[in-house]
Amino acid sequence: MTDLDLLARGELSLHGRLMAASNGTYQGSVSLGSASATVVYKPVQGERPLWDFPDGTLAEREYAAYVVSEELGWSIVPPTLLRDGPLGEGMVQLWIDEVEVGAGETELVDIVPQGRVPSGWVGVLDALDGRHNPVTLVHADTEALRRMAVFDALVNNADRKGGHVLNPGDGRVFGVDHGVTFNADDKLRTVLWGWAGDPIAPDLLDDVRRLADGLAGAFGQELGQLITGVELTATRERCATLLKSGSYPYPSEAWPAIPWPAF
């Protein structure tokens, strides 16, 4: 049985609400026979209206991010689908347990004292913390995060916080919370700006080119069931822009570049 089979057919039970989330978000479990898994459930009815996104569309955008991740072959988004649940139709996603970070270690995205960027990491922003100490926002320089940065540019992710980058400790890296994606306007807001202007690896560009071909055909029709026609056109244009430049994008001057809070 695949994870998607279990998510689709398993009995969904809720354990509790995640109070830190801005929208109605619940941890629960799905069970089918002897199989079970912990999940995140975001019912449509728990979505707060946003001025720049149509009401009641965040769950579909979460699922759209998953299908794009799978079309690319990158498996950035955990297994995700749309289904009915105790609070109605919503997004259900496999829960990812993160590895515990030991003393002296850092997360994949972190804040360090200014001037102390770890080896193999890149700095994003110098700032002052709550006690007015100089600090630097940093992230690891890994292939997995480079893929995620390209993915965020493609789906126009407006909320890539450090806490939305999950490290299960097995070499994979997952991204979650993709409800504010696919806007037709440039909304890219992320903590992963460390490669802005750098060339994108040829293999990643090959995957983007394959995605662009799919968006012009059957996959575009599938994605068009989840986002608007204007948003689908903008997604195709973002693919074309990345393929033409071959480089990681720079922050827009018309939109805040980094989400706040950053974690």
Protein backbone atom coordinates (compact mmCIF):
# COMPACT_ATOMS: atom_id res chain seq x y z
CA MET A 1 0.00 0.00 0.00
CA THR A 2 1.37 3.39 -0.97
CA ASP A 3 1.26 6.48 1.22
CA LEU A 4 -1.31 8.01 -1.14
CA ASP A 5 -3.52 4.91 -0.88
CA LEU A 6 -3.44 5.18 2.89
CA LEU A 7 -4.14 8.93 2.81
CA ALA A 8 -7.07 8.44 0.42
CA ARG A 9 -8.73 5.37 1.91
CA GLY A 10 -7.72 5.43 5.57
CA GLU A 11 -10.07 6.52 8.34
CA LEU A 12 -9.10 10.07 9.32
CA SER A 13 -9.10 10.88 13.05
CA LEU A 14 -8.03 14.17 14.60
CA HIS A 15 -5.60 14.44 17.54
CA GLY A 16 -5.60 18.20 18.05
CA ARG A 17 -5.25 21.60 16.47
CA LEU A 18 -1.86 23.19 15.74
CA MET A 19 -2.44 26.55 17.38
CA ALA A 20 0.61 28.28 15.87
CA ALA A 21 -0.85 27.97 12.36
CA SER A 22 -2.70 30.99 10.94
CA ASN A 23 -5.36 28.77 9.31
CA GLY A 24 -7.25 25.84 10.80
CA THR A 25 -4.59 23.10 10.87
CA TYR A 26 -4.91 19.77 12.65
CA GLN A 27 -2.66 16.84 13.40
CA GLY A 28 -4.38 13.53 12.98
CA SER A 29 -3.94 9.99 11.77
CA VAL A 30 -5.21 7.78 8.99
CA SER A 31 -5.64 4.05 9.54
CA LEU A 32 -6.60 1.22 7.24
CA GLY A 33 -6.30 -2.33 8.49
CA SER A 34 -2.90 -2.72 10.14
CA ALA A 35 -1.49 0.39 8.41
CA SER A 36 -1.52 3.85 9.93
CA ALA A 37 0.25 7.19 9.58
CA THR A 38 0.29 10.61 11.17
CA VAL A 39 -1.02 13.40 8.96
CA VAL A 40 -1.72 17.12 8.73
CA TYR A 41 -5.30 18.05 7.87
CA LYS A 42 -6.29 21.55 6.70
CA PRO A 43 -10.04 21.85 6.08
CA VAL A 44 -11.20 24.46 3.59
CA GLN A 45 -13.64 25.84 6.13
CA GLY A 46 -10.71 26.74 8.42
CA GLU A 47 -9.03 28.98 5.83
CA ARG A 48 -8.84 32.68 6.66
CA PRO A 49 -9.69 35.02 3.76
CA LEU A 50 -6.69 36.70 2.09
CA TRP A 51 -6.78 39.91 0.09
CA ASP A 52 -4.62 38.53 -2.73
CA PHE A 53 -5.93 34.96 -3.11
CA PRO A 54 -9.45 33.72 -3.92
CA ASP A 55 -11.32 32.46 -0.84
CA GLY A 56 -11.38 28.72 -0.21
CA THR A 57 -8.48 27.86 -2.55
CA LEU A 58 -5.54 27.24 -0.20
CA ALA A 59 -6.07 23.47 0.08
CA GLU A 60 -6.10 23.15 -3.71
CA ARG A 61 -2.89 25.18 -3.90
CA GLU A 62 -1.24 22.85 -1.38
CA TYR A 63 -2.21 19.90 -3.56
CA ALA A 64 -1.13 21.74 -6.73
CA ALA A 65 2.33 22.24 -5.21
CA TYR A 66 2.51 18.50 -4.57
CA VAL A 67 1.58 17.51 -8.12
CA VAL A 68 4.15 19.96 -9.56
CA SER A 69 6.81 18.54 -7.22
CA GLU A 70 5.97 15.05 -8.44
CA GLU A 71 5.89 16.09 -12.11
CA LEU A 72 9.40 17.47 -11.65
CA GLY A 73 10.46 14.21 -9.97
CA TRP A 74 11.82 16.11 -6.97
CA SER A 75 9.51 14.83 -4.18
CA ILE A 76 9.90 18.08 -2.25
CA VAL A 77 6.32 18.11 -0.95
CA PRO A 78 5.25 15.17 1.26
CA PRO A 79 2.46 12.93 -0.14
CA THR A 80 -0.62 15.14 -0.30
CA LEU A 81 -4.19 14.91 -1.54
CA LEU A 82 -7.63 16.45 -1.27
CA ARG A 83 -10.32 14.50 0.54
CA ASP A 84 -13.26 14.74 2.90
CA GLY A 85 -12.59 14.72 6.63
CA PRO A 86 -14.23 15.35 10.00
CA LEU A 87 -14.45 19.09 9.22
CA GLY A 88 -15.25 18.74 5.54
CA GLU A 89 -13.19 18.84 2.36
CA GLY A 90 -9.56 19.71 2.87
CA MET A 91 -5.90 18.97 2.32
CA VAL A 92 -4.39 15.88 3.95
CA GLN A 93 -0.61 15.49 3.98
CA LEU A 94 1.76 12.93 5.43
CA TRP A 95 3.35 14.20 8.66
CA ILE A 96 7.16 14.47 8.53
CA ASP A 97 9.09 13.93 11.77
CA GLU A 98 12.26 16.01 11.90
CA VAL A 99 15.60 14.85 13.26
CA GLU A 100 16.60 16.46 16.55
CA VAL A 101 19.45 18.93 16.21
CA GLY A 102 22.23 18.36 18.73
CA ALA A 103 24.21 20.91 20.70
CA GLY A 104 26.41 23.07 18.48
CA GLU A 105 24.53 22.03 15.33
CA THR A 106 22.28 24.21 13.19
CA GLU A 107 19.03 23.74 11.33
CA LEU A 108 19.01 23.86 7.53
CA VAL A 109 17.93 27.47 7.95
CA ASP A 110 19.16 29.36 10.99
CA ILE A 111 20.20 32.65 12.53
CA VAL A 112 23.83 32.95 13.65
CA PRO A 113 25.94 35.75 15.13
CA GLN A 114 27.05 38.14 12.40
CA GLY A 115 30.42 37.16 10.93
CA ARG A 116 30.01 33.48 11.89
CA VAL A 117 28.47 31.92 8.79
CA PRO A 118 29.28 28.20 9.06
CA SER A 119 31.46 26.56 6.43
CA GLY A 120 29.30 25.19 3.63
CA TRP A 121 26.54 27.70 4.33
CA VAL A 122 25.49 30.97 2.71
CA GLY A 123 24.36 34.22 4.27
CA VAL A 124 21.08 35.81 3.24
CA LEU A 125 20.52 38.87 5.41
CA ASP A 126 22.29 40.82 8.15
CA ALA A 127 20.01 42.22 10.85
CA LEU A 128 19.60 42.89 14.56
CA ASP A 129 17.83 40.40 16.82
CA GLY A 130 15.37 41.26 19.58
CA ARG A 131 18.22 42.28 21.87
CA HIS A 132 19.86 44.40 19.16
CA ASN A 133 22.68 41.91 18.62
CA PRO A 134 24.01 41.73 15.02
CA VAL A 135 22.97 38.44 13.42
CA THR A 136 22.85 36.82 9.98
CA LEU A 137 20.10 34.72 8.43
CA VAL A 138 21.80 31.69 6.83
CA HIS A 139 20.92 28.45 5.10
CA ALA A 140 22.83 25.34 4.12
CA ASP A 141 24.34 25.11 0.63
CA THR A 142 22.98 21.71 -0.45
CA GLU A 143 21.57 20.23 -3.63
CA ALA A 144 18.25 19.58 -1.89
CA LEU A 145 17.84 23.23 -0.90
CA ARG A 146 18.95 24.40 -4.35
CA ARG A 147 16.14 22.28 -5.83
CA MET A 148 13.72 23.76 -3.31
CA ALA A 149 14.73 27.30 -4.28
CA VAL A 150 14.00 26.54 -7.95
CA PHE A 151 10.72 24.88 -6.98
CA ASP A 152 9.65 27.94 -4.97
CA ALA A 153 10.40 30.18 -7.94
CA LEU A 154 8.28 27.95 -10.20
CA VAL A 155 5.24 27.80 -7.89
CA ASN A 156 5.69 31.44 -6.79
CA ASN A 157 5.84 30.53 -3.11
CA ALA A 158 4.95 33.55 -0.98
CA ASP A 159 5.81 31.94 2.36
CA ARG A 160 9.00 29.84 2.47
CA LYS A 161 9.83 30.27 6.14
CA GLY A 162 12.68 28.41 7.82
CA GLY A 163 10.11 26.39 9.74
CA HIS A 164 8.64 25.19 6.44
CA VAL A 165 11.88 23.38 5.58
CA LEU A 166 11.84 19.95 7.21
CA ASN A 167 14.84 17.66 7.72
CA PRO A 168 13.89 14.05 8.54
CA GLY A 169 17.57 13.11 8.91
CA ASP A 170 17.75 10.60 6.06
CA GLY A 171 19.20 12.87 3.38
CA ARG A 172 15.85 14.12 2.13
CA VAL A 173 14.50 17.63 2.66
CA PHE A 174 10.78 18.42 2.56
CA GLY A 175 8.91 21.67 2.11
CA VAL A 176 5.46 22.24 3.63
CA ASP A 177 2.81 24.96 3.88
CA HIS A 178 2.20 25.79 0.23
CA GLY A 179 -1.21 27.42 0.53
CA VAL A 180 -0.05 30.80 -0.81
CA THR A 181 1.43 29.69 -4.12
CA PHE A 182 0.68 30.12 -7.84
CA ASN A 183 -0.42 33.74 -7.65
CA ALA A 184 -0.32 35.40 -11.08
CA ASP A 185 1.64 38.32 -9.62
CA ASP A 186 5.25 37.96 -8.47
CA LYS A 187 4.91 36.97 -4.80
CA LEU A 188 8.15 35.03 -4.22
CA ARG A 189 9.03 35.44 -0.55
CA THR A 190 11.58 33.06 0.90
CA VAL A 191 14.53 32.59 3.22
CA LEU A 192 16.42 30.76 0.44
CA TRP A 193 17.99 33.72 -1.37
CA GLY A 194 21.60 32.62 -0.94
CA TRP A 195 22.07 31.73 -4.62
CA ALA A 196 20.35 34.76 -6.20
CA GLY A 197 21.93 35.33 -9.62
CA ASP A 198 23.91 32.07 -9.58
CA PRO A 199 23.56 29.59 -12.46
CA ILE A 200 21.02 26.81 -11.97
CA ALA A 201 22.48 23.32 -12.44
CA PRO A 202 21.85 21.88 -15.95
CA ASP A 203 20.02 18.82 -14.59
CA LEU A 204 17.56 21.05 -12.73
CA LEU A 205 16.99 23.11 -15.87
CA ASP A 206 16.32 19.88 -17.79
CA ASP A 207 13.58 19.06 -15.26
CA VAL A 208 12.13 22.56 -15.59
CA ARG A 209 12.11 22.16 -19.37
CA ARG A 210 10.25 18.86 -19.01
CA LEU A 211 7.74 20.55 -16.69
CA ALA A 212 7.24 23.32 -19.25
CA ASP A 213 6.48 20.72 -21.91
CA GLY A 214 3.98 19.03 -19.57
CA LEU A 215 2.28 22.34 -18.79
CA ALA A 216 1.66 22.77 -22.52
CA GLY A 217 -0.16 19.42 -22.62
CA ALA A 218 -2.01 16.98 -20.38
CA PHE A 219 -0.31 18.04 -17.15
CA GLY A 220 -1.32 21.63 -17.80
CA GLN A 221 -4.95 20.50 -18.03
CA GLU A 222 -4.58 18.64 -14.72
CA LEU A 223 -3.03 21.62 -12.95
CA GLY A 224 -5.67 23.88 -14.45
CA GLN A 225 -8.29 22.07 -12.35
CA LEU A 226 -6.57 23.38 -9.21
CA ILE A 227 -5.57 26.97 -10.10
CA THR A 228 -7.05 29.65 -12.35
CA GLY A 229 -6.34 29.99 -16.03
CA VAL A 230 -4.41 33.22 -15.46
CA GLU A 231 -2.32 31.51 -12.77
CA LEU A 232 -1.61 28.58 -15.08
CA THR A 233 -0.38 30.97 -17.77
CA ALA A 234 1.83 32.71 -15.19
CA THR A 235 3.28 29.33 -14.16
CA ARG A 236 4.23 28.63 -17.77
CA GLU A 237 5.81 32.08 -17.99
CA ARG A 238 7.87 31.46 -14.83
CA CYS A 239 9.20 28.26 -16.40
CA ALA A 240 10.14 30.18 -19.54
CA THR A 241 11.84 32.92 -17.51
CA LEU A 242 13.99 30.46 -15.57
CA LEU A 243 14.94 28.58 -18.72
CA LYS A 244 15.87 31.81 -20.49
CA SER A 245 17.97 33.22 -17.64
CA GLY A 246 19.38 29.90 -16.41
CA SER A 247 19.87 31.58 -13.05
CA TYR A 248 18.28 31.78 -9.62
CA PRO A 249 16.01 34.83 -9.44
CA TYR A 250 16.72 38.02 -7.54
CA PRO A 251 14.21 39.40 -5.03
CA SER A 252 11.51 41.63 -6.46
CA GLU A 253 11.62 45.31 -5.53
CA ALA A 254 7.81 45.39 -5.48
CA TRP A 255 7.24 42.72 -2.81
CA PRO A 256 8.82 41.89 0.58
CA ALA A 257 11.58 39.39 -0.16
CA ILE A 258 11.65 37.52 3.17
CA PRO A 259 8.61 36.27 5.14
CA TRP A 260 8.12 37.63 8.63
CA PRO A 261 8.55 36.02 11.01
CA ALA A 262 11.25 34.10 9.14
CA PHE A 263 10.60 30.90 11.15
